[in-house]
């Protein structure tokens, strides 16, 4: 447990083939079901303070309380995911802490010397930031806001994982407005 932000709630893996990764995680690791979005609608995306149009595919599933995120970049827009793969890395790219008090936790991390490298928003109350400090090669910290629709989505993904029987291992990502 982090004395600053609580429990790590998500492990984010950057992968070269997200469909293959979902198959591996569901078949070999027994983790699922996976909720897959071939193009995450990221708003207000910034990398080093500059706006870009990113195209990322994402799949989410839980193993207990820990969410596993698989990410595949689909264009060459600057991102920490692209930096990670260009450095020759594959695998764990970030650990995420979830928060319902995003502004307070962001200010806390900035007061500790962490600087925002990448940021954006997914739906209402779905802000996220990645900090510029790396741990082992390429792995960084994400702070992710989980109130409103995004929080309800993450809760439903966790609930779907409880007693998952292996059926429907890959499912469409629900619209945040439907949750």
C-alpha atoms as a PDB file:
ATOM      1  CA  UNK A   1       0.000   0.000   0.000  1.00  0.00           C
ATOM      2  CA  UNK A   2       1.304   3.445  -0.879  1.00  0.00           C
ATOM      3  CA  UNK A   3       1.387   5.808   2.067  1.00  0.00           C
ATOM      4  CA  UNK A   4       0.429   8.573  -0.392  1.00  0.00           C
ATOM      5  CA  UNK A   5      -2.339   7.114  -2.544  1.00  0.00           C
ATOM      6  CA  UNK A   6      -3.480   3.830  -1.001  1.00  0.00           C
ATOM      7  CA  UNK A   7      -3.615   0.533  -2.872  1.00  0.00           C
ATOM      8  CA  UNK A   8      -2.360  -0.117  -6.382  1.00  0.00           C
ATOM      9  CA  UNK A   9      -5.591  -0.824  -8.240  1.00  0.00           C
ATOM     10  CA  UNK A  10      -4.434  -1.407 -11.808  1.00  0.00           C
ATOM     11  CA  UNK A  11      -1.499  -2.921 -13.673  1.00  0.00           C
ATOM     12  CA  UNK A  12      -1.157  -1.516 -17.190  1.00  0.00           C
ATOM     13  CA  UNK A  13       0.570  -3.621 -19.843  1.00  0.00           C
ATOM     14  CA  UNK A  14       1.530  -2.242 -23.247  1.00  0.00           C
ATOM     15  CA  UNK A  15       1.328  -5.064 -25.764  1.00  0.00           C
ATOM     16  CA  UNK A  16       2.054  -5.397 -29.496  1.00  0.00           C
ATOM     17  CA  UNK A  17      -1.137  -7.428 -30.183  1.00  0.00           C
ATOM     18  CA  UNK A  18      -4.064  -6.828 -27.847  1.00  0.00           C
ATOM     19  CA  UNK A  19      -6.217  -9.644 -29.255  1.00  0.00           C
ATOM     20  CA  UNK A  20      -3.388 -12.133 -28.674  1.00  0.00           C
ATOM     21  CA  UNK A  21      -2.829 -10.725 -25.175  1.00  0.00           C
ATOM     22  CA  UNK A  22      -6.522 -11.071 -24.236  1.00  0.00           C
ATOM     23  CA  UNK A  23      -6.436 -14.669 -25.454  1.00  0.00           C
ATOM     24  CA  UNK A  24      -3.326 -15.405 -23.372  1.00  0.00           C
ATOM     25  CA  UNK A  25      -4.660 -13.766 -20.214  1.00  0.00           C
ATOM     26  CA  UNK A  26      -8.067 -15.461 -20.456  1.00  0.00           C
ATOM     27  CA  UNK A  27      -6.842 -18.918 -21.524  1.00  0.00           C
ATOM     28  CA  UNK A  28      -3.476 -19.305 -19.812  1.00  0.00           C
ATOM     29  CA  UNK A  29      -3.903 -17.028 -16.799  1.00  0.00           C
ATOM     30  CA  UNK A  30      -7.669 -17.566 -16.339  1.00  0.00           C
ATOM     31  CA  UNK A  31      -8.301 -13.827 -15.985  1.00  0.00           C
ATOM     32  CA  UNK A  32     -11.453 -12.334 -17.448  1.00  0.00           C
ATOM     33  CA  UNK A  33     -13.830 -11.495 -18.826  1.00  0.00           C
ATOM     34  CA  UNK A  34     -12.146  -8.794 -20.886  1.00  0.00           C
ATOM     35  CA  UNK A  35     -13.963  -5.609 -21.799  1.00  0.00           C
ATOM     36  CA  UNK A  36     -12.476  -4.427 -25.070  1.00  0.00           C
ATOM     37  CA  UNK A  37     -12.573  -0.989 -26.690  1.00  0.00           C
ATOM     38  CA  UNK A  38     -10.797  -0.827 -30.056  1.00  0.00           C
ATOM     39  CA  UNK A  39     -10.607   2.997 -29.871  1.00  0.00           C
ATOM     40  CA  UNK A  40     -10.819   4.671 -26.486  1.00  0.00           C
ATOM     41  CA  UNK A  41     -12.452   8.111 -26.771  1.00  0.00           C
ATOM     42  CA  UNK A  42      -9.816  10.179 -24.972  1.00  0.00           C
ATOM     43  CA  UNK A  43     -10.601  13.879 -24.591  1.00  0.00           C
ATOM     44  CA  UNK A  44      -8.229  16.723 -23.690  1.00  0.00           C
ATOM     45  CA  UNK A  45      -5.227  14.460 -24.304  1.00  0.00           C
ATOM     46  CA  UNK A  46      -1.866  16.081 -23.596  1.00  0.00           C
ATOM     47  CA  UNK A  47       1.705  14.829 -23.795  1.00  0.00           C
ATOM     48  CA  UNK A  48       4.359  17.222 -22.468  1.00  0.00           C
ATOM     49  CA  UNK A  49       1.620  19.867 -22.404  1.00  0.00           C
ATOM     50  CA  UNK A  50       0.813  19.576 -26.132  1.00  0.00           C
ATOM     51  CA  UNK A  51      -2.451  18.257 -27.576  1.00  0.00           C
ATOM     52  CA  UNK A  52      -2.457  15.183 -29.831  1.00  0.00           C
ATOM     53  CA  UNK A  53      -5.017  12.800 -31.301  1.00  0.00           C
ATOM     54  CA  UNK A  54      -4.197   9.349 -29.949  1.00  0.00           C
ATOM     55  CA  UNK A  55      -5.669   6.046 -31.054  1.00  0.00           C
ATOM     56  CA  UNK A  56      -5.331   3.380 -28.373  1.00  0.00           C
ATOM     57  CA  UNK A  57      -7.087   0.062 -28.002  1.00  0.00           C
ATOM     58  CA  UNK A  58      -7.727  -0.994 -24.404  1.00  0.00           C
ATOM     59  CA  UNK A  59      -8.984  -4.139 -22.700  1.00  0.00           C
ATOM     60  CA  UNK A  60      -9.836  -4.343 -18.989  1.00  0.00           C
ATOM     61  CA  UNK A  61     -10.384  -7.302 -16.657  1.00  0.00           C
ATOM     62  CA  UNK A  62      -9.977  -7.923 -12.955  1.00  0.00           C
ATOM     63  CA  UNK A  63      -8.088 -10.508 -10.963  1.00  0.00           C
ATOM     64  CA  UNK A  64      -9.516  -9.939  -7.525  1.00  0.00           C
ATOM     65  CA  UNK A  65      -9.408  -6.253  -6.677  1.00  0.00           C
ATOM     66  CA  UNK A  66      -6.552  -5.599  -9.098  1.00  0.00           C
ATOM     67  CA  UNK A  67      -7.556  -4.539 -12.588  1.00  0.00           C
ATOM     68  CA  UNK A  68      -5.363  -5.558 -15.506  1.00  0.00           C
ATOM     69  CA  UNK A  69      -5.280  -3.170 -18.448  1.00  0.00           C
ATOM     70  CA  UNK A  70      -3.955  -4.153 -21.863  1.00  0.00           C
ATOM     71  CA  UNK A  71      -3.039  -1.278 -24.192  1.00  0.00           C
ATOM     72  CA  UNK A  72      -2.071  -1.278 -27.847  1.00  0.00           C
ATOM     73  CA  UNK A  73      -1.168   1.965 -29.587  1.00  0.00           C
ATOM     74  CA  UNK A  74      -2.652   2.227 -33.076  1.00  0.00           C
ATOM     75  CA  UNK A  75      -0.994   5.429 -34.304  1.00  0.00           C
ATOM     76  CA  UNK A  76       2.301   7.230 -33.826  1.00  0.00           C
ATOM     77  CA  UNK A  77       1.019  10.118 -31.687  1.00  0.00           C
ATOM     78  CA  UNK A  78       3.423  10.936 -28.857  1.00  0.00           C
ATOM     79  CA  UNK A  79       2.553   9.038 -25.688  1.00  0.00           C
ATOM     80  CA  UNK A  80       4.249   7.297 -22.816  1.00  0.00           C
ATOM     81  CA  UNK A  81       3.029   4.017 -24.323  1.00  0.00           C
ATOM     82  CA  UNK A  82       4.855   4.800 -27.563  1.00  0.00           C
ATOM     83  CA  UNK A  83       7.964   5.846 -25.597  1.00  0.00           C
ATOM     84  CA  UNK A  84       7.806   2.533 -23.724  1.00  0.00           C
ATOM     85  CA  UNK A  85       7.743   0.421 -26.893  1.00  0.00           C
ATOM     86  CA  UNK A  86      10.313   2.577 -28.694  1.00  0.00           C
ATOM     87  CA  UNK A  87      12.681   1.949 -25.763  1.00  0.00           C
ATOM     88  CA  UNK A  88      12.338  -1.774 -26.534  1.00  0.00           C
ATOM     89  CA  UNK A  89      10.009  -2.543 -23.632  1.00  0.00           C
ATOM     90  CA  UNK A  90       6.989  -4.841 -23.608  1.00  0.00           C
ATOM     91  CA  UNK A  91       4.884  -5.572 -20.545  1.00  0.00           C
ATOM     92  CA  UNK A  92       4.156  -3.615 -17.386  1.00  0.00           C
ATOM     93  CA  UNK A  93       4.168   0.082 -18.296  1.00  0.00           C
ATOM     94  CA  UNK A  94       2.286   1.593 -15.345  1.00  0.00           C
ATOM     95  CA  UNK A  95       0.717   1.009 -11.984  1.00  0.00           C
ATOM     96  CA  UNK A  96      -2.424   3.009 -11.289  1.00  0.00           C
ATOM     97  CA  UNK A  97      -3.902   4.409  -8.145  1.00  0.00           C
ATOM     98  CA  UNK A  98      -7.606   5.199  -8.219  1.00  0.00           C
ATOM     99  CA  UNK A  99      -9.012   8.270  -6.557  1.00  0.00           C
ATOM    100  CA  UNK A 100     -12.304   9.953  -5.814  1.00  0.00           C
ATOM    101  CA  UNK A 101     -10.444  13.154  -4.847  1.00  0.00           C
ATOM    102  CA  UNK A 102      -8.409  13.703  -7.975  1.00  0.00           C
ATOM    103  CA  UNK A 103      -7.479  17.364  -7.459  1.00  0.00           C
ATOM    104  CA  UNK A 104      -6.256  16.770  -3.902  1.00  0.00           C
ATOM    105  CA  UNK A 105      -4.217  13.685  -4.824  1.00  0.00           C
ATOM    106  CA  UNK A 106      -2.739  15.382  -7.881  1.00  0.00           C
ATOM    107  CA  UNK A 107      -1.666  18.350  -5.727  1.00  0.00           C
ATOM    108  CA  UNK A 108      -0.162  15.944  -3.184  1.00  0.00           C
ATOM    109  CA  UNK A 109       1.901  14.145  -5.821  1.00  0.00           C
ATOM    110  CA  UNK A 110       3.051  17.423  -7.362  1.00  0.00           C
ATOM    111  CA  UNK A 111       4.112  18.628  -3.894  1.00  0.00           C
ATOM    112  CA  UNK A 112       6.278  15.486  -3.684  1.00  0.00           C
ATOM    113  CA  UNK A 113       8.068  16.439  -6.908  1.00  0.00           C
ATOM    114  CA  UNK A 114       6.066  14.347  -9.372  1.00  0.00           C
ATOM    115  CA  UNK A 115       5.382  16.100 -12.687  1.00  0.00           C
ATOM    116  CA  UNK A 116       2.600  15.293 -15.134  1.00  0.00           C
ATOM    117  CA  UNK A 117       3.928  13.921 -18.430  1.00  0.00           C
ATOM    118  CA  UNK A 118       0.685  12.663 -20.018  1.00  0.00           C
ATOM    119  CA  UNK A 119      -2.958  13.419 -19.246  1.00  0.00           C
ATOM    120  CA  UNK A 120      -6.479  13.234 -20.561  1.00  0.00           C
ATOM    121  CA  UNK A 121     -10.056  12.402 -19.773  1.00  0.00           C
ATOM    122  CA  UNK A 122     -12.437   9.548 -20.601  1.00  0.00           C
ATOM    123  CA  UNK A 123     -16.020  10.660 -20.069  1.00  0.00           C
ATOM    124  CA  UNK A 124     -17.209  12.756 -17.155  1.00  0.00           C
ATOM    125  CA  UNK A 125     -15.147  12.331 -14.005  1.00  0.00           C
ATOM    126  CA  UNK A 126     -12.611  10.190 -15.806  1.00  0.00           C
ATOM    127  CA  UNK A 127      -9.467  12.298 -15.666  1.00  0.00           C
ATOM    128  CA  UNK A 128      -6.068  10.630 -15.622  1.00  0.00           C
ATOM    129  CA  UNK A 129      -2.443  11.681 -15.374  1.00  0.00           C
ATOM    130  CA  UNK A 130       0.811   9.808 -15.764  1.00  0.00           C
ATOM    131  CA  UNK A 131       3.814  11.117 -13.882  1.00  0.00           C
ATOM    132  CA  UNK A 132       7.267  11.480 -15.407  1.00  0.00           C
ATOM    133  CA  UNK A 133       9.214   9.456 -12.831  1.00  0.00           C
ATOM    134  CA  UNK A 134      10.074   5.935 -13.966  1.00  0.00           C
ATOM    135  CA  UNK A 135      10.576   2.963 -11.682  1.00  0.00           C
ATOM    136  CA  UNK A 136      12.102  -0.138 -13.263  1.00  0.00           C
ATOM    137  CA  UNK A 137      12.524   0.340 -17.031  1.00  0.00           C
ATOM    138  CA  UNK A 138       9.619   2.365 -18.346  1.00  0.00           C
ATOM    139  CA  UNK A 139       7.157   1.762 -15.521  1.00  0.00           C
ATOM    140  CA  UNK A 140       5.409   4.894 -14.254  1.00  0.00           C
ATOM    141  CA  UNK A 141       2.563   5.893 -11.930  1.00  0.00           C
ATOM    142  CA  UNK A 142      -0.909   6.768 -13.160  1.00  0.00           C
ATOM    143  CA  UNK A 143      -3.474   8.623 -11.058  1.00  0.00           C
ATOM    144  CA  UNK A 144      -6.971   7.780 -12.296  1.00  0.00           C
ATOM    145  CA  UNK A 145     -10.228   9.435 -11.270  1.00  0.00           C
ATOM    146  CA  UNK A 146     -12.957   6.878 -10.574  1.00  0.00           C
ATOM    147  CA  UNK A 147     -16.166   8.687  -9.753  1.00  0.00           C
ATOM    148  CA  UNK A 148     -19.299   8.803 -11.876  1.00  0.00           C
ATOM    149  CA  UNK A 149     -19.589   6.611 -14.980  1.00  0.00           C
ATOM    150  CA  UNK A 150     -15.933   5.513 -15.028  1.00  0.00           C
ATOM    151  CA  UNK A 151     -16.157   4.415 -11.399  1.00  0.00           C
ATOM    152  CA  UNK A 152     -19.336   2.471 -12.133  1.00  0.00           C
ATOM    153  CA  UNK A 153     -17.688   0.855 -15.175  1.00  0.00           C
ATOM    154  CA  UNK A 154     -14.693  -0.289 -13.130  1.00  0.00           C
ATOM    155  CA  UNK A 155     -17.028  -1.682 -10.468  1.00  0.00           C
ATOM    156  CA  UNK A 156     -19.029  -3.623 -13.079  1.00  0.00           C
ATOM    157  CA  UNK A 157     -15.811  -5.090 -14.557  1.00  0.00           C
ATOM    158  CA  UNK A 158     -14.765  -6.247 -11.085  1.00  0.00           C
ATOM    159  CA  UNK A 159     -18.203  -7.766 -10.426  1.00  0.00           C
ATOM    160  CA  UNK A 160     -18.137  -9.623 -13.772  1.00  0.00           C
ATOM    161  CA  UNK A 161     -14.832 -11.240 -12.759  1.00  0.00           C
ATOM    162  CA  UNK A 162     -16.254 -12.770  -9.593  1.00  0.00           C
ATOM    163  CA  UNK A 163     -16.961 -16.437 -10.283  1.00  0.00           C
ATOM    164  CA  UNK A 164     -16.339 -15.910 -14.018  1.00  0.00           C
ATOM    165  CA  UNK A 165     -16.748 -19.332 -15.662  1.00  0.00           C
ATOM    166  CA  UNK A 166     -14.678 -18.667 -18.790  1.00  0.00           C
ATOM    167  CA  UNK A 167     -17.659 -17.912 -21.025  1.00  0.00           C
ATOM    168  CA  UNK A 168     -17.620 -14.864 -23.294  1.00  0.00           C
ATOM    169  CA  UNK A 169     -13.956 -14.092 -22.576  1.00  0.00           C
ATOM    170  CA  UNK A 170     -14.009 -10.935 -24.718  1.00  0.00           C
ATOM    171  CA  UNK A 171     -16.915  -8.513 -24.415  1.00  0.00           C
ATOM    172  CA  UNK A 172     -17.581  -5.092 -25.902  1.00  0.00           C
ATOM    173  CA  UNK A 173     -16.746  -2.083 -23.804  1.00  0.00           C
ATOM    174  CA  UNK A 174     -20.042  -0.538 -22.646  1.00  0.00           C
ATOM    175  CA  UNK A 175     -20.684   3.118 -23.319  1.00  0.00           C
ATOM    176  CA  UNK A 176     -20.031   5.224 -20.232  1.00  0.00           C
ATOM    177  CA  UNK A 177     -23.397   6.896 -20.807  1.00  0.00           C
ATOM    178  CA  UNK A 178     -25.120   3.490 -20.431  1.00  0.00           C
ATOM    179  CA  UNK A 179     -23.629   2.728 -17.023  1.00  0.00           C
END
